[in-house]
Amino acid sequence: MAGGVGVAADDQRARQGVSVFGQHLVADAIADVVKGRDALFPDKLPGLFVALCVGFVGSRDDMIEDTVVQAKAEYAQRRAQSQSRLDAQQQAEIRRIATDFPSLWAHPATSMQDKKRMVRLLIEDVTLPRHQYQLDLFIRCKAGALIQRTVRLARGGPVPTVIDPAIIDQIDTLSNAYTAGEIAAKLNQAGVPHPNRGDFDTMAVVYLLKRFKLPSRYQRLRSKGYVTQEEIAQALGVHVETVQRWRKKGWIQAHYYNLVSRKFPDA
């Protein structure tokens, strides 16, 4: 299909070029004929020269029209012989794959090499400008979409970063009611700077909780007797979506323990 379209486009451009060139050629020829007639025969046979010029123009138009008809016939013949045309079933299969990209990506038969090829089909280019300990990621897709992400780079070194104990106490207190991401947002809003990164993010809070052996939000809720919605569904013999509907209707209360909608319903 692509080959046929390319041939048609080339033929069309060629015909347009021939037509424009022919028009200039005919106009120059007529001008030369008229000048010669006026120089050699100023008072003789003016009608004959005009008739000859009109006949030449008519022959040129017929030639271009025949060329266009021949090009169309050749294009139709090449398109019929093209092996790249897709039937309705193949087109439907391609559309199904396009809408089922996550399943195709996660399929066990999809190798890492196939995933690289899939990424190359989606991404046009990637730009990584760095500003000290911050890396800005710009991903431009072939369809025109632009994805932007910011990654903070930790300062490497064998000596652990010195953290103000007041910050650790504040993180410990906030962990009783907030997730790591929410704690990072509150610290940034309060103007508490991170010694290396400048701003706090989720990973920085999680790292400090582990480094100073503080219980996470999940562990704190577990210690209070909270169970997951999957455990409630299994205990009651219902589907997890049923428990989620109960929560949305307000029949049970739930608490987030991370930023991917994982919750502990109230017992």
Protein backbone atom coordinates (compact mmCIF):
# COMPACT_ATOMS: atom_id res chain seq x y z
CA MET A 1 0.00 0.00 0.00
CA ALA A 2 2.78 2.41 0.94
CA GLY A 3 4.67 1.60 -2.26
CA GLY A 4 1.61 2.29 -4.41
CA VAL A 5 0.92 5.60 -2.71
CA GLY A 6 4.54 6.64 -3.18
CA VAL A 7 4.40 5.79 -6.89
CA ALA A 8 1.16 7.75 -7.29
CA ALA A 9 2.64 10.77 -5.54
CA ASP A 10 5.75 10.64 -7.73
CA ASP A 11 3.61 10.31 -10.87
CA GLN A 12 1.47 13.27 -9.84
CA ARG A 13 4.51 15.45 -9.18
CA ALA A 14 6.02 14.37 -12.50
CA ARG A 15 2.82 15.23 -14.36
CA GLN A 16 2.66 18.63 -12.71
CA GLY A 17 6.27 19.31 -13.64
CA VAL A 18 5.74 18.25 -17.27
CA SER A 19 2.61 20.40 -17.48
CA VAL A 20 4.33 23.54 -16.16
CA PHE A 21 7.40 22.97 -18.30
CA GLY A 22 5.22 22.37 -21.36
CA GLN A 23 3.28 25.56 -20.81
CA HIS A 24 6.48 27.62 -20.64
CA LEU A 25 7.87 25.81 -23.69
CA VAL A 26 4.74 26.44 -25.76
CA ALA A 27 4.60 30.10 -24.72
CA ASP A 28 8.26 30.59 -25.72
CA ALA A 29 7.70 28.79 -29.02
CA ILE A 30 4.68 30.92 -29.89
CA ALA A 31 6.59 34.10 -29.06
CA ASP A 32 9.51 33.00 -31.25
CA VAL A 33 7.17 32.10 -34.13
CA VAL A 34 5.38 35.44 -33.94
CA LYS A 35 8.68 37.34 -33.90
CA GLY A 36 9.92 35.39 -36.93
CA ARG A 37 6.67 35.95 -38.79
CA ASP A 38 6.75 39.67 -38.17
CA ALA A 39 10.38 39.88 -39.27
CA LEU A 40 10.09 37.79 -42.46
CA PHE A 41 6.45 38.20 -43.48
CA PRO A 42 5.06 41.32 -41.89
CA ASP A 43 1.99 41.34 -44.15
CA LYS A 44 1.52 37.69 -45.14
CA LEU A 45 -0.24 34.64 -43.75
CA PRO A 46 -0.96 35.80 -40.16
CA GLY A 47 -3.88 33.40 -39.85
CA LEU A 48 -1.76 30.41 -40.88
CA PHE A 49 0.79 31.00 -38.12
CA VAL A 50 -1.95 31.35 -35.53
CA ALA A 51 -3.58 28.13 -36.70
CA LEU A 52 -0.28 26.27 -36.47
CA CYS A 53 0.27 27.52 -32.92
CA VAL A 54 -3.25 26.53 -31.83
CA GLY A 55 -2.81 23.10 -33.32
CA PHE A 56 0.49 22.64 -31.48
CA VAL A 57 -1.11 23.59 -28.15
CA GLY A 58 -3.97 21.16 -28.75
CA SER A 59 -1.53 18.34 -29.50
CA ARG A 60 0.36 19.15 -26.27
CA ASP A 61 -2.87 18.95 -24.21
CA ASP A 62 -3.77 15.60 -25.78
CA MET A 63 -0.30 14.26 -24.99
CA ILE A 64 -0.54 15.30 -21.32
CA GLU A 65 -4.02 13.82 -21.02
CA ASP A 66 -2.80 10.51 -22.45
CA THR A 67 0.13 10.54 -20.00
CA VAL A 68 -2.22 11.08 -17.05
CA VAL A 69 -4.50 8.23 -18.15
CA GLN A 70 -1.50 5.93 -18.59
CA ALA A 71 -0.11 6.87 -15.15
CA LYS A 72 -3.45 6.18 -13.46
CA ALA A 73 -3.69 2.78 -15.14
CA GLU A 74 -0.13 1.92 -14.08
CA TYR A 75 -0.84 3.02 -10.49
CA ALA A 76 -3.99 0.88 -10.33
CA GLN A 77 -2.07 -2.10 -11.68
CA ARG A 78 0.79 -1.73 -9.19
CA ARG A 79 -1.60 -1.26 -6.31
CA ALA A 80 -3.45 -4.45 -7.25
CA GLN A 81 -0.14 -6.34 -7.34
CA SER A 82 1.17 -4.86 -4.08
CA GLN A 83 1.78 -7.38 -1.29
CA SER A 84 1.66 -4.76 1.46
CA ARG A 85 -2.11 -4.26 1.34
CA LEU A 86 -3.92 -5.37 4.49
CA ASP A 87 -7.29 -7.01 4.43
CA ALA A 88 -10.04 -6.20 6.93
CA GLN A 89 -9.02 -9.02 9.29
CA GLN A 90 -5.39 -7.90 9.39
CA GLN A 91 -6.40 -4.29 10.01
CA ALA A 92 -8.68 -5.36 12.87
CA GLU A 93 -5.84 -7.42 14.38
CA ILE A 94 -3.47 -4.43 14.28
CA ARG A 95 -6.06 -2.23 15.99
CA ARG A 96 -6.58 -4.88 18.65
CA ILE A 97 -2.84 -5.06 19.34
CA ALA A 98 -2.66 -1.27 19.58
CA THR A 99 -5.37 -1.20 22.26
CA ASP A 100 -3.94 -4.22 24.09
CA PHE A 101 -0.38 -2.91 24.42
CA PRO A 102 -0.02 -3.55 28.21
CA SER A 103 -0.99 -7.20 27.86
CA LEU A 104 1.37 -7.64 24.93
CA TRP A 105 4.19 -6.02 26.91
CA ALA A 106 3.62 -8.22 29.96
CA HIS A 107 3.13 -11.44 28.00
CA PRO A 108 5.70 -14.13 28.93
CA ALA A 109 6.50 -14.70 25.26
CA THR A 110 7.56 -11.07 24.74
CA SER A 111 11.33 -10.98 25.00
CA MET A 112 13.46 -8.00 26.01
CA GLN A 113 14.50 -7.58 22.38
CA ASP A 114 10.83 -7.40 21.36
CA LYS A 115 10.19 -4.81 24.08
CA LYS A 116 13.04 -2.68 22.75
CA ARG A 117 11.50 -2.83 19.31
CA MET A 118 8.13 -1.83 20.75
CA VAL A 119 9.68 1.15 22.48
CA ARG A 120 11.41 2.24 19.27
CA LEU A 121 8.04 2.18 17.52
CA LEU A 122 6.58 4.54 20.13
CA ILE A 123 9.37 6.96 21.05
CA GLU A 124 10.85 9.51 18.66
CA ASP A 125 13.62 10.85 20.91
CA VAL A 126 14.63 11.40 24.55
CA THR A 127 16.32 14.49 26.01
CA LEU A 128 18.12 14.40 29.37
CA PRO A 129 19.26 17.87 30.49
CA ARG A 130 20.99 17.86 33.88
CA HIS A 131 21.03 20.69 36.42
CA GLN A 132 23.45 19.80 39.20
CA TYR A 133 21.63 17.04 41.12
CA GLN A 134 18.41 17.18 39.10
CA LEU A 135 17.82 15.33 35.84
CA ASP A 136 14.94 16.42 33.59
CA LEU A 137 13.59 13.70 31.33
CA PHE A 138 11.72 14.68 28.14
CA ILE A 139 10.28 11.83 26.07
CA ARG A 140 8.79 12.77 22.70
CA CYS A 141 6.54 10.12 21.15
CA LYS A 142 6.13 9.58 17.43
CA ALA A 143 2.48 10.63 17.69
CA GLY A 144 3.56 14.02 19.09
CA ALA A 145 2.89 13.54 22.81
CA LEU A 146 5.53 14.83 25.23
CA ILE A 147 6.17 13.11 28.58
CA GLN A 148 8.17 15.01 31.19
CA ARG A 149 9.67 13.61 34.37
CA THR A 150 12.13 14.96 36.93
CA VAL A 151 14.61 12.70 38.71
CA ARG A 152 16.70 13.88 41.64
CA LEU A 153 20.20 12.48 41.81
CA ALA A 154 21.71 11.64 45.18
CA ARG A 155 25.22 12.76 45.95
CA GLY A 156 27.36 9.67 46.08
CA GLY A 157 29.95 9.03 48.74
CA PRO A 158 30.93 6.52 51.43
CA VAL A 159 29.84 8.82 54.28
CA PRO A 160 26.08 8.85 55.03
CA THR A 161 24.36 12.19 54.75
CA VAL A 162 23.97 14.02 58.04
CA ILE A 163 20.27 14.55 58.77
CA ASP A 164 18.95 16.91 61.39
CA PRO A 165 17.35 14.81 64.19
CA ALA A 166 14.42 17.24 64.22
CA ILE A 167 13.60 16.20 60.66
CA ILE A 168 13.64 12.52 61.64
CA ASP A 169 11.31 13.21 64.57
CA GLN A 170 8.97 15.12 62.27
CA ILE A 171 8.90 12.24 59.76
CA ASP A 172 8.24 9.77 62.57
CA THR A 173 5.29 11.82 63.82
CA LEU A 174 3.80 12.37 60.36
CA SER A 175 4.04 8.65 59.55
CA ASN A 176 1.22 7.99 62.02
CA ALA A 177 -1.28 9.70 59.71
CA TYR A 178 0.31 10.15 56.27
CA THR A 179 1.99 8.16 53.53
CA ALA A 180 5.61 8.71 52.49
CA GLY A 181 4.55 10.82 49.50
CA GLU A 182 2.25 12.96 51.64
CA ILE A 183 5.04 13.43 54.20
CA ALA A 184 7.41 14.62 51.47
CA ALA A 185 4.81 17.14 50.25
CA LYS A 186 4.23 18.48 53.76
CA LEU A 187 7.96 18.86 54.41
CA ASN A 188 8.38 20.78 51.16
CA GLN A 189 5.41 23.00 51.96
CA ALA A 190 6.89 23.76 55.37
CA GLY A 191 10.18 24.76 53.73
CA VAL A 192 12.21 21.92 55.26
CA PRO A 193 15.17 21.36 52.91
CA HIS A 194 16.74 18.03 52.17
CA PRO A 195 20.52 18.22 52.82
CA ASN A 196 21.40 16.85 49.36
CA ARG A 197 18.37 16.93 47.11
CA GLY A 198 16.90 20.24 48.07
CA ASP A 199 13.33 18.94 48.10
CA PHE A 200 11.95 15.77 49.63
CA ASP A 201 10.25 13.08 47.55
CA THR A 202 8.68 9.70 48.30
CA MET A 203 11.90 7.72 47.92
CA ALA A 204 13.80 10.08 50.23
CA VAL A 205 11.24 9.59 53.01
CA VAL A 206 11.15 5.81 52.52
CA TYR A 207 14.96 5.72 52.66
CA LEU A 208 15.09 7.68 55.92
CA LEU A 209 12.44 5.45 57.50
CA LYS A 210 14.53 2.38 56.67
CA ARG A 211 17.86 3.99 57.57
CA PHE A 212 16.72 5.04 61.04
CA LYS A 213 14.67 1.85 61.52
CA LEU A 214 11.34 3.64 61.87
CA PRO A 215 8.12 1.70 61.18
CA SER A 216 6.43 2.48 57.90
CA ARG A 217 2.81 3.54 57.47
CA TYR A 218 1.93 -0.06 56.56
CA GLN A 219 3.58 -1.47 59.68
CA ARG A 220 1.90 1.10 61.92
CA LEU A 221 -1.57 0.25 60.60
CA ARG A 222 -0.84 -3.47 60.92
CA SER A 223 0.15 -3.02 64.53
CA LYS A 224 -3.26 -1.40 65.15
CA GLY A 225 -5.10 -4.44 63.79
CA TYR A 226 -5.95 -3.24 60.30
CA VAL A 227 -6.33 -5.78 57.51
CA THR A 228 -6.25 -5.37 53.74
CA GLN A 229 -9.33 -5.36 51.52
CA GLU A 230 -8.14 -8.65 49.99
CA GLU A 231 -8.07 -10.26 53.41
CA ILE A 232 -11.60 -8.98 54.17
CA ALA A 233 -12.87 -10.34 50.84
CA GLN A 234 -11.32 -13.74 51.54
CA ALA A 235 -12.71 -13.87 55.09
CA LEU A 236 -16.24 -12.97 53.96
CA GLY A 237 -16.19 -15.04 50.77
CA VAL A 238 -16.82 -12.07 48.46
CA HIS A 239 -14.90 -10.44 45.64
CA VAL A 240 -12.44 -7.62 46.29
CA GLU A 241 -14.55 -5.30 44.13
CA THR A 242 -17.44 -5.90 46.51
CA VAL A 243 -15.35 -4.62 49.42
CA GLN A 244 -14.35 -1.63 47.29
CA ARG A 245 -18.02 -0.84 46.60
CA TRP A 246 -18.76 -1.01 50.33
CA ARG A 247 -15.98 1.52 50.90
CA LYS A 248 -17.25 3.85 48.18
CA LYS A 249 -20.76 3.72 49.68
CA GLY A 250 -19.35 4.63 53.08
CA TRP A 251 -20.23 1.34 54.75
CA ILE A 252 -16.60 0.83 55.78
CA GLN A 253 -13.72 3.28 56.21
CA ALA A 254 -10.24 2.81 54.77
CA HIS A 255 -6.80 4.35 55.13
CA TYR A 256 -4.09 4.71 52.47
CA TYR A 257 -0.70 3.29 53.27
CA ASN A 258 1.03 4.21 49.97
CA LEU A 259 0.41 6.18 46.78
CA VAL A 260 -0.96 3.37 44.60
CA SER A 261 -4.41 3.23 46.17
CA ARG A 262 -3.54 0.47 48.61
CA LYS A 263 -5.81 0.80 51.60
CA PHE A 264 -6.60 -0.72 54.97
CA PRO A 265 -10.36 -0.83 55.56
CA ASP A 266 -11.45 -0.25 59.12
CA ALA A 267 -12.29 -3.49 60.91
